[in-house]
Amino acid sequence: MKNFDPRECPIPERLNIAILLIAAPATWTLLYLGSHAPWPWVCAAALLFAFVDFTPFSLLHEAVHGIFSADPRRNEIFGVLTAAMFPTSFTLQRIAHLGHHRRNRTDKELYDYYLPTQSKALRNFWLYAGNLFGLFWFCIPFSTIVYFTSPWLYTSRAFIEGPARRLGFEPYVEEIARHPRGRIWFECALALVYQAAVWRFLDLNWRGCLLCYWAFALHWSALQYVDHAWSPRDIINGAWNLRATAFARLTALNYHFHLAHHRLPLVPWNRLPEFVDPAEPQPSFWSIYLSLWGGVRPAPPMLDQNAPSVRLAP
């Protein structure tokens, strides 16, 4: 794997903006078809939406790491815009995702394994309902609504040690609760206004919208852990560079090269293929995905609880 020099990997801001200007109306079109087209077209629209809606999320992921734009202000603006499409608060997503990089494969973030002190049945519920049936994505808009309507509840010990703990999100929510509420609340409000505007102007109905977003939820929730499942229990190296179809890789902006990303979080998406070591294992998305249906396994020991830190964002 080649060495990383930020000067050799300029941020493709214009390309990112161009992709967003294509992806946003594409998602609107598919949502409209999902609500108004004949049934066969509805199914086709939902299937395409599952992939196309991943593109704004991948651009959000770039903004979280400060590599959507080299200009911090524009990076924040596009981060807020792409977060609204998800829908979530950009600040909330940044806190959660950078926390994921710090906790990856530790005892606080395992979905493919269970510890001796944990209930195997509960961990299987997280795996099946959360990763494989899409619940993890549905928790995102739910948490946005909760934070908007009751920020005091979202940041309370009752919420952190209750629903957040039972769903496996306690470390994330605990960090979010320490952040000042004002900006997160405002970004949640923008996200809900955006979603309401799309619903109103496209005259969407709940059946078509639910089908499209459930298809996306199945894809997004699965990929969040397929790219980590059964990988070494190592904070940095606990991920995979997955083999996937060209279409899936294109719409996800190389998100499948997740090991390269965890090793070098400041490499923009368009340069990630250069940092994939062909000598290392590259399992297919489907091989890992299908294996997860076998349920959680006993957790092996952590390889390195004190892995060296890496820069996650500017």
Foldseek 3Di string as FASTA:
>chain_A
DDDDDCVVFAQPQVVLVVLCVVLVVLLLVLLLCLFDPPPVSLLVSLLVLLLSLLQLVLLLLCLLQPRNHVDVVVSQVSNLVSCLSLPFFSVLVSLQVVVCLLCPLHQLDDLQADEPVDDQVLSQCLLCVQQQQLVVSVVHLVVLVCCLVPVVVLLDPCNLVPVCVSNSNNVSSPRVSVDDSPRRNVSSVSSVVVVVVSCVVSVGDPRSNVSNVSSNSNSVSNVVPLQQPPAASESLQRGAQADDDPSSCVSNLSVSHPSLCSNPVNRGSVCSVVSDDPVDDHYHSVVSSVVCVVGHYHDDDRPDNPDDDDRRHD
